[in-house]
C-alpha atoms as a PDB file:
ATOM      1  CA  MET A   1     -16.453 -70.878  -5.521  1.00  0.00           C
ATOM      2  CA  ILE A   2     -14.873 -67.613  -6.067  1.00  0.00           C
ATOM      3  CA  GLN A   3     -17.051 -65.154  -8.079  1.00  0.00           C
ATOM      4  CA  LYS A   4     -16.187 -62.781 -10.892  1.00  0.00           C
ATOM      5  CA  GLY A   5     -14.691 -59.537  -9.241  1.00  0.00           C
ATOM      6  CA  GLU A   6     -13.454 -61.692  -6.354  1.00  0.00           C
ATOM      7  CA  LYS A   7      -9.944 -62.071  -5.343  1.00  0.00           C
ATOM      8  CA  VAL A   8      -8.880 -64.211  -2.138  1.00  0.00           C
ATOM      9  CA  ILE A   9      -5.869 -63.785  -0.184  1.00  0.00           C
ATOM     10  CA  ILE A  10      -4.323 -65.692   2.689  1.00  0.00           C
ATOM     11  CA  HIS A  11      -3.788 -64.240   6.152  1.00  0.00           C
ATOM     12  CA  PRO A  12      -1.294 -65.972   8.505  1.00  0.00           C
ATOM     13  CA  GLU A  13      -4.074 -65.739  11.374  1.00  0.00           C
ATOM     14  CA  LEU A  14      -7.413 -65.154   9.606  1.00  0.00           C
ATOM     15  CA  GLY A  15      -7.013 -67.630   6.974  1.00  0.00           C
ATOM     16  CA  ALA A  16      -8.349 -67.030   3.463  1.00  0.00           C
ATOM     17  CA  ILE A  17     -10.105 -63.731   3.005  1.00  0.00           C
ATOM     18  CA  THR A  18     -12.165 -63.019   0.095  1.00  0.00           C
ATOM     19  CA  ILE A  19     -12.044 -59.420  -1.481  1.00  0.00           C
ATOM     20  CA  CYS A  20     -14.727 -58.201  -3.426  1.00  0.00           C
ATOM     21  CA  PHE A  21     -15.020 -55.069  -5.401  1.00  0.00           C
ATOM     22  CA  ASN A  22     -18.405 -53.188  -5.145  1.00  0.00           C
ATOM     23  CA  PRO A  23     -18.893 -50.041  -7.201  1.00  0.00           C
ATOM     24  CA  ARG A  24     -22.048 -49.007  -5.048  1.00  0.00           C
ATOM     25  CA  ALA A  25     -20.087 -49.382  -1.792  1.00  0.00           C
ATOM     26  CA  VAL A  26     -19.322 -45.823   0.116  1.00  0.00           C
ATOM     27  CA  ARG A  27     -16.796 -47.682   2.559  1.00  0.00           C
ATOM     28  CA  TYR A  28     -14.738 -50.422   3.596  1.00  0.00           C
ATOM     29  CA  ILE A  29     -16.621 -53.326   4.927  1.00  0.00           C
ATOM     30  CA  LEU A  30     -15.621 -56.459   6.841  1.00  0.00           C
ATOM     31  CA  LYS A  31     -18.131 -59.537   7.385  1.00  0.00           C
ATOM     32  CA  ILE A  32     -17.840 -63.116   8.584  1.00  0.00           C
ATOM     33  CA  LYS A  33     -19.697 -65.430   6.447  1.00  0.00           C
ATOM     34  CA  ALA A  34     -19.618 -69.050   6.380  1.00  0.00           C
ATOM     35  CA  GLY A  35     -16.798 -69.107   8.696  1.00  0.00           C
ATOM     36  CA  SER A  36     -14.603 -66.730   6.481  1.00  0.00           C
ATOM     37  CA  VAL A  37     -13.647 -63.283   6.266  1.00  0.00           C
ATOM     38  CA  TYR A  38     -15.015 -61.232   3.264  1.00  0.00           C
ATOM     39  CA  ALA A  39     -13.650 -57.555   2.750  1.00  0.00           C
ATOM     40  CA  THR A  40     -15.664 -55.131   0.518  1.00  0.00           C
ATOM     41  CA  LEU A  41     -13.490 -52.545  -1.260  1.00  0.00           C
ATOM     42  CA  PRO A  42     -15.456 -49.670  -2.461  1.00  0.00           C
ATOM     43  CA  MET A  43     -15.482 -47.611  -5.728  1.00  0.00           C
ATOM     44  CA  HIS A  44     -11.962 -45.708  -5.868  1.00  0.00           C
ATOM     45  CA  GLY A  45     -10.804 -47.941  -2.914  1.00  0.00           C
ATOM     46  CA  ASN A  46      -7.317 -48.438  -1.944  1.00  0.00           C
ATOM     47  CA  LYS A  47      -6.235 -52.027  -1.666  1.00  0.00           C
ATOM     48  CA  GLN A  48      -3.423 -51.294   0.857  1.00  0.00           C
ATOM     49  CA  VAL A  49      -5.723 -49.201   3.008  1.00  0.00           C
ATOM     50  CA  LEU A  50      -8.317 -52.103   3.024  1.00  0.00           C
ATOM     51  CA  LEU A  51      -5.283 -54.724   4.145  1.00  0.00           C
ATOM     52  CA  ASP A  52      -4.561 -51.868   6.906  1.00  0.00           C
ATOM     53  CA  PHE A  53      -8.305 -51.780   7.837  1.00  0.00           C
ATOM     54  CA  ILE A  54      -7.894 -55.654   8.194  1.00  0.00           C
ATOM     55  CA  GLU A  55      -4.991 -55.545  10.574  1.00  0.00           C
ATOM     56  CA  GLN A  56      -6.988 -52.975  12.736  1.00  0.00           C
ATOM     57  CA  GLN A  57      -9.730 -55.318  12.953  1.00  0.00           C
ATOM     58  CA  LYS A  58      -7.835 -58.321  13.218  1.00  0.00           C
ATOM     59  CA  ASP A  59      -8.678 -59.140  16.912  1.00  0.00           C
ATOM     60  CA  HIS A  60     -12.237 -58.529  16.528  1.00  0.00           C
ATOM     61  CA  LEU A  61     -12.417 -60.720  13.392  1.00  0.00           C
ATOM     62  CA  LEU A  62     -10.661 -63.512  15.137  1.00  0.00           C
ATOM     63  CA  SER A  63     -13.079 -63.500  18.012  1.00  0.00           C
ATOM     64  CA  GLN A  64     -15.862 -63.558  15.967  1.00  0.00           C
ATOM     65  CA  LEU A  65     -14.491 -66.336  13.915  1.00  0.00           C
ATOM     66  CA  THR A  66     -13.834 -68.464  17.204  1.00  0.00           C
ATOM     67  CA  LEU A  67     -17.276 -67.677  18.413  1.00  0.00           C
ATOM     68  CA  ARG A  68     -18.730 -69.313  15.112  1.00  0.00           C
ATOM     69  CA  LYS A  69     -16.663 -72.284  15.350  1.00  0.00           C
ATOM     70  CA  LYS A  70     -17.329 -73.006  18.967  1.00  0.00           C
ATOM     71  CA  LEU A  71     -20.988 -72.134  18.762  1.00  0.00           C
ATOM     72  CA  ILE A  72     -23.413 -75.243  19.313  1.00  0.00           C
ATOM     73  CA  LEU A  73     -27.097 -74.659  19.437  1.00  0.00           C
ATOM     74  CA  ASN A  74     -28.569 -76.604  22.526  1.00  0.00           C
ATOM     75  CA  GLU A  75     -30.788 -76.107  25.536  1.00  0.00           C
ATOM     76  CA  ASP A  76     -28.506 -73.221  26.757  1.00  0.00           C
ATOM     77  CA  THR A  77     -28.921 -71.385  23.509  1.00  0.00           C
ATOM     78  CA  VAL A  78     -30.774 -68.092  24.341  1.00  0.00           C
ATOM     79  CA  LEU A  79     -32.356 -65.989  21.426  1.00  0.00           C
ATOM     80  CA  THR A  80     -34.582 -63.342  21.499  1.00  0.00           C
ATOM     81  CA  THR A  81     -36.401 -61.923  18.382  1.00  0.00           C
ATOM     82  CA  HIS A  82     -38.835 -59.359  17.738  1.00  0.00           C
ATOM     83  CA  THR A  83     -41.493 -62.150  17.687  1.00  0.00           C
ATOM     84  CA  PHE A  84     -40.347 -64.936  19.343  1.00  0.00           C
ATOM     85  CA  SER A  85     -37.820 -66.587  21.728  1.00  0.00           C
ATOM     86  CA  LEU A  86     -35.988 -69.895  21.253  1.00  0.00           C
ATOM     87  CA  ASN A  87     -36.535 -73.048  23.355  1.00  0.00           C
ATOM     88  CA  ILE A  88     -34.632 -76.051  22.280  1.00  0.00           C
ATOM     89  CA  PHE A  89     -35.048 -79.184  24.347  1.00  0.00           C
ATOM     90  CA  LYS A  90     -35.087 -82.899  23.752  1.00  0.00           C
ATOM     91  CA  SER A  91     -37.891 -85.524  24.033  1.00  0.00           C
ATOM     92  CA  ASP A  92     -38.626 -89.410  23.615  1.00  0.00           C
ATOM     93  CA  ARG A  93     -39.915 -88.625  19.954  1.00  0.00           C
ATOM     94  CA  ASP A  94     -38.306 -90.081  17.223  1.00  0.00           C
ATOM     95  CA  ASN A  95     -38.236 -87.153  15.028  1.00  0.00           C
ATOM     96  CA  PHE A  96     -37.755 -83.249  15.546  1.00  0.00           C
ATOM     97  CA  TYR A  97     -40.824 -81.611  16.335  1.00  0.00           C
ATOM     98  CA  VAL A  98     -41.165 -77.623  15.665  1.00  0.00           C
ATOM     99  CA  LYS A  99     -43.951 -75.377  16.923  1.00  0.00           C
ATOM    100  CA  LEU A 100     -44.180 -71.790  17.176  1.00  0.00           C
ATOM    101  CA  GLN A 101     -46.582 -70.807  19.696  1.00  0.00           C
ATOM    102  CA  ALA A 102     -47.386 -67.641  22.024  1.00  0.00           C
ATOM    103  CA  GLY A 103     -43.804 -66.111  21.213  1.00  0.00           C
ATOM    104  CA  ILE A 104     -42.256 -69.220  21.827  1.00  0.00           C
ATOM    105  CA  LEU A 105     -40.261 -71.398  19.112  1.00  0.00           C
ATOM    106  CA  HIS A 106     -40.205 -74.626  20.442  1.00  0.00           C
ATOM    107  CA  ILE A 107     -37.921 -77.284  18.682  1.00  0.00           C
ATOM    108  CA  SER A 108     -37.758 -80.797  20.060  1.00  0.00           C
ATOM    109  CA  CYS A 109     -34.910 -82.761  19.173  1.00  0.00           C
ATOM    110  CA  PRO A 110     -34.873 -86.639  19.490  1.00  0.00           C
ATOM    111  CA  HIS A 111     -33.243 -87.810  22.703  1.00  0.00           C
ATOM    112  CA  HIS A 112     -30.750 -90.171  21.262  1.00  0.00           C
ATOM    113  CA  LEU A 113     -28.996 -87.359  18.826  1.00  0.00           C
ATOM    114  CA  SER A 114     -26.228 -85.428  19.938  1.00  0.00           C
ATOM    115  CA  TYR A 115     -26.208 -81.667  19.782  1.00  0.00           C
ATOM    116  CA  GLU A 116     -22.566 -81.751  18.830  1.00  0.00           C
ATOM    117  CA  ASP A 117     -23.504 -83.832  15.634  1.00  0.00           C
ATOM    118  CA  GLU A 118     -23.067 -81.780  12.437  1.00  0.00           C
ATOM    119  CA  ASN A 119     -26.385 -82.825  10.953  1.00  0.00           C
ATOM    120  CA  THR A 120     -28.375 -81.781  14.025  1.00  0.00           C
ATOM    121  CA  GLN A 121     -26.783 -78.310  14.119  1.00  0.00           C
ATOM    122  CA  CYS A 122     -27.484 -78.101  10.468  1.00  0.00           C
ATOM    123  CA  TYR A 123     -30.962 -78.855  11.090  1.00  0.00           C
ATOM    124  CA  LEU A 124     -31.443 -76.592  14.088  1.00  0.00           C
ATOM    125  CA  LYS A 125     -29.829 -73.695  12.075  1.00  0.00           C
ATOM    126  CA  ASP A 126     -32.384 -74.361   9.207  1.00  0.00           C
ATOM    127  CA  ILE A 127     -35.178 -74.255  11.292  1.00  0.00           C
ATOM    128  CA  ILE A 128     -34.338 -70.871  12.920  1.00  0.00           C
ATOM    129  CA  HIS A 129     -33.730 -69.218   9.629  1.00  0.00           C
ATOM    130  CA  ARG A 130     -36.782 -70.508   8.077  1.00  0.00           C
ATOM    131  CA  VAL A 131     -38.990 -69.400  10.800  1.00  0.00           C
ATOM    132  CA  LEU A 132     -37.326 -65.821  10.863  1.00  0.00           C
ATOM    133  CA  ARG A 133     -37.619 -65.594   7.397  1.00  0.00           C
ATOM    134  CA  THR A 134     -41.449 -66.434   7.675  1.00  0.00           C
ATOM    135  CA  GLU A 135     -41.551 -63.976  10.570  1.00  0.00           C
ATOM    136  CA  ALA A 136     -39.959 -61.595   8.809  1.00  0.00           C
ATOM    137  CA  LYS A 137     -42.297 -61.464   5.890  1.00  0.00           C
ATOM    138  CA  ARG A 138     -45.088 -61.248   8.047  1.00  0.00           C
ATOM    139  CA  VAL A 139     -44.062 -58.351  10.123  1.00  0.00           C
ATOM    140  CA  LEU A 140     -41.623 -56.267   8.342  1.00  0.00           C
ATOM    141  CA  PRO A 141     -43.314 -55.024   5.529  1.00  0.00           C
ATOM    142  CA  LEU A 142     -46.279 -53.904   7.696  1.00  0.00           C
ATOM    143  CA  LEU A 143     -44.036 -52.159  10.033  1.00  0.00           C
ATOM    144  CA  LEU A 144     -42.284 -50.119   6.892  1.00  0.00           C
ATOM    145  CA  LEU A 145     -45.611 -49.138   5.278  1.00  0.00           C
ATOM    146  CA  ASP A 146     -46.821 -48.065   8.750  1.00  0.00           C
ATOM    147  CA  LEU A 147     -43.542 -45.815   8.865  1.00  0.00           C
ATOM    148  CA  ALA A 148     -43.645 -44.869   5.288  1.00  0.00           C
ATOM    149  CA  LYS A 149     -47.107 -43.506   5.767  1.00  0.00           C
ATOM    150  CA  GLN A 150     -46.512 -41.533   8.915  1.00  0.00           C
ATOM    151  CA  HIS A 151     -43.599 -39.942   7.295  1.00  0.00           C
ATOM    152  CA  GLY A 152     -45.012 -39.442   3.909  1.00  0.00           C
ATOM    153  CA  PHE A 153     -42.397 -41.701   2.150  1.00  0.00           C
ATOM    154  CA  LYS A 154     -43.611 -43.220  -1.071  1.00  0.00           C
ATOM    155  CA  ILE A 155     -42.053 -47.075  -1.912  1.00  0.00           C
ATOM    156  CA  ASN A 156     -42.796 -49.518  -4.624  1.00  0.00           C
ATOM    157  CA  ASN A 157     -41.599 -53.223  -3.721  1.00  0.00           C
ATOM    158  CA  ILE A 158     -40.585 -54.899  -0.560  1.00  0.00           C
ATOM    159  CA  THR A 159     -38.608 -57.817  -0.587  1.00  0.00           C
ATOM    160  CA  ILE A 160     -37.221 -59.915   2.447  1.00  0.00           C
ATOM    161  CA  LYS A 161     -34.064 -61.929   1.766  1.00  0.00           C
ATOM    162  CA  GLY A 162     -31.282 -63.690   3.909  1.00  0.00           C
ATOM    163  CA  ASN A 163     -28.951 -60.863   3.496  1.00  0.00           C
ATOM    164  CA  THR A 164     -25.551 -61.234   5.840  1.00  0.00           C
ATOM    165  CA  SER A 165     -23.655 -58.284   4.143  1.00  0.00           C
ATOM    166  CA  SER A 166     -26.260 -55.524   4.855  1.00  0.00           C
ATOM    167  CA  TRP A 167     -29.361 -54.918   7.121  1.00  0.00           C
ATOM    168  CA  GLY A 168     -31.033 -53.723   4.174  1.00  0.00           C
ATOM    169  CA  SER A 169     -30.948 -51.770   0.871  1.00  0.00           C
ATOM    170  CA  CYS A 170     -33.115 -49.327  -1.649  1.00  0.00           C
ATOM    171  CA  SER A 171     -32.787 -48.923  -5.238  1.00  0.00           C
ATOM    172  CA  GLY A 172     -33.336 -46.131  -7.240  1.00  0.00           C
ATOM    173  CA  ARG A 173     -36.728 -47.424  -8.073  1.00  0.00           C
ATOM    174  CA  LYS A 174     -37.664 -47.240  -4.485  1.00  0.00           C
ATOM    175  CA  ASN A 175     -37.552 -50.907  -4.085  1.00  0.00           C
ATOM    176  CA  ILE A 176     -36.671 -51.895  -0.530  1.00  0.00           C
ATOM    177  CA  ASN A 177     -34.913 -55.166   0.189  1.00  0.00           C
ATOM    178  CA  LEU A 178     -34.684 -56.095   3.790  1.00  0.00           C
ATOM    179  CA  SER A 179     -32.525 -58.992   5.736  1.00  0.00           C
ATOM    180  CA  TYR A 180     -34.660 -60.998   7.853  1.00  0.00           C
ATOM    181  CA  HIS A 181     -31.777 -60.753  10.569  1.00  0.00           C
ATOM    182  CA  ILE A 182     -33.561 -57.347  11.271  1.00  0.00           C
ATOM    183  CA  LEU A 183     -35.913 -59.250  13.367  1.00  0.00           C
ATOM    184  CA  THR A 184     -33.008 -59.931  16.050  1.00  0.00           C
ATOM    185  CA  LEU A 185     -32.745 -56.140  16.688  1.00  0.00           C
ATOM    186  CA  PRO A 186     -34.486 -54.564  19.325  1.00  0.00           C
ATOM    187  CA  ALA A 187     -37.684 -52.713  18.312  1.00  0.00           C
ATOM    188  CA  HIS A 188     -36.301 -49.034  18.085  1.00  0.00           C
ATOM    189  CA  LEU A 189     -33.373 -50.136  15.971  1.00  0.00           C
ATOM    190  CA  ILE A 190     -35.637 -52.147  13.834  1.00  0.00           C
ATOM    191  CA  ASN A 191     -37.412 -49.027  13.116  1.00  0.00           C
ATOM    192  CA  TYR A 192     -34.180 -47.086  12.676  1.00  0.00           C
ATOM    193  CA  ILE A 193     -33.199 -49.592   9.898  1.00  0.00           C
ATOM    194  CA  LEU A 194     -36.638 -49.083   8.184  1.00  0.00           C
ATOM    195  CA  LEU A 195     -36.424 -45.351   8.140  1.00  0.00           C
ATOM    196  CA  HIS A 196     -33.001 -45.573   7.218  1.00  0.00           C
ATOM    197  CA  GLU A 197     -34.006 -47.439   3.877  1.00  0.00           C
ATOM    198  CA  LEU A 198     -37.108 -44.922   3.645  1.00  0.00           C
ATOM    199  CA  CYS A 199     -34.968 -42.105   3.651  1.00  0.00           C
ATOM    200  CA  HIS A 200     -32.849 -43.548   0.688  1.00  0.00           C
ATOM    201  CA  THR A 201     -36.081 -43.114  -1.483  1.00  0.00           C
ATOM    202  CA  VAL A 202     -35.430 -39.496  -1.272  1.00  0.00           C
ATOM    203  CA  GLU A 203     -32.003 -39.474  -0.909  1.00  0.00           C
ATOM    204  CA  MET A 204     -29.930 -42.123  -2.660  1.00  0.00           C
ATOM    205  CA  ASN A 205     -26.549 -41.370  -0.943  1.00  0.00           C
ATOM    206  CA  HIS A 206     -25.291 -40.578   2.484  1.00  0.00           C
ATOM    207  CA  SER A 207     -25.014 -36.988   2.019  1.00  0.00           C
ATOM    208  CA  ASP A 208     -25.582 -34.393   4.867  1.00  0.00           C
ATOM    209  CA  ARG A 209     -29.199 -34.084   3.363  1.00  0.00           C
ATOM    210  CA  PHE A 210     -29.702 -37.720   4.151  1.00  0.00           C
ATOM    211  CA  TRP A 211     -28.529 -37.593   7.483  1.00  0.00           C
ATOM    212  CA  ALA A 212     -30.418 -34.465   8.270  1.00  0.00           C
ATOM    213  CA  LEU A 213     -33.622 -35.894   7.120  1.00  0.00           C
ATOM    214  CA  LEU A 214     -33.014 -39.469   8.888  1.00  0.00           C
ATOM    215  CA  ASP A 215     -32.351 -37.500  12.216  1.00  0.00           C
ATOM    216  CA  ARG A 216     -35.636 -35.571  11.480  1.00  0.00           C
ATOM    217  CA  VAL A 217     -37.576 -38.663  11.405  1.00  0.00           C
ATOM    218  CA  CYS A 218     -35.725 -40.447  14.291  1.00  0.00           C
ATOM    219  CA  ASN A 219     -36.704 -37.423  16.484  1.00  0.00           C
ATOM    220  CA  GLY A 220     -32.964 -36.159  16.826  1.00  0.00           C
ATOM    221  CA  LYS A 221     -31.858 -39.932  17.829  1.00  0.00           C
ATOM    222  CA  ASN A 222     -29.657 -40.422  14.552  1.00  0.00           C
ATOM    223  CA  ALA A 223     -26.457 -40.366  16.283  1.00  0.00           C
ATOM    224  CA  GLU A 224     -27.535 -42.335  19.236  1.00  0.00           C
ATOM    225  CA  TYR A 225     -29.067 -44.935  17.049  1.00  0.00           C
ATOM    226  CA  ARG A 226     -26.236 -45.162  14.686  1.00  0.00           C
ATOM    227  CA  ALA A 227     -23.662 -45.761  17.385  1.00  0.00           C
ATOM    228  CA  ALA A 228     -26.011 -48.664  18.656  1.00  0.00           C
ATOM    229  CA  MET A 229     -26.257 -50.188  15.239  1.00  0.00           C
ATOM    230  CA  LYS A 230     -22.270 -50.599  15.053  1.00  0.00           C
ATOM    231  CA  LEU A 231     -22.633 -52.788  18.233  1.00  0.00           C
ATOM    232  CA  GLN A 232     -24.938 -55.175  16.557  1.00  0.00           C
ATOM    233  CA  GLN A 233     -24.028 -58.516  14.916  1.00  0.00           C
ATOM    234  CA  MET A 234     -26.198 -60.641  12.947  1.00  0.00           C
ATOM    235  CA  LEU A 235     -26.865 -64.438  14.041  1.00  0.00           C
ATOM    236  CA  PRO A 236     -23.598 -66.153  14.432  1.00  0.00           C
ATOM    237  CA  PHE A 237     -24.483 -69.232  12.155  1.00  0.00           C
END
């Protein structure tokens, strides 16, 4: 369903692209959600510039769309998060069985079911997302509060959601929203994202003062971590 402020265009190779205007955005953003491309147009953004950006990123977007269409969760799927790794297998049980133990998420599938079946895939994906959310709510607030204490930041509320458009955000009231997808990042990049949002409690935009503050709390590694984040992707399902 097209939401208010959205426009859909048809690209000859990428298919339907939903263009969203976001007055809070500071740059052009391209994301894959639910098998489609979503493009964010920032305040004072130019639609033609966005279309040119889409063309520049076309090959990358096509590869991501192909990956998501072909991805089948099964015994060969490798997934390692901050708190657990994944182990999918089949058993003689008549129903699914899920157990998170010793850092491994075991998911047992009934032997008679096919991994290619859409319902099986939906169930497996739902399990993984639910466990990610639960683990993120258990771990991320504690990490955030610890970093805030270390560096003298003050925060109000912490919310964990399934955001796919950003890793996190911070409001003017110092409320921090984090995506549970953060748990799929390496530990040093998890801390980097948390510190990024904490710095926004002091500097609400991406000014030179913001980047200088973030660089200081990252021990001079902001440029390194920022470059590393550009290579990170959220779960392709």
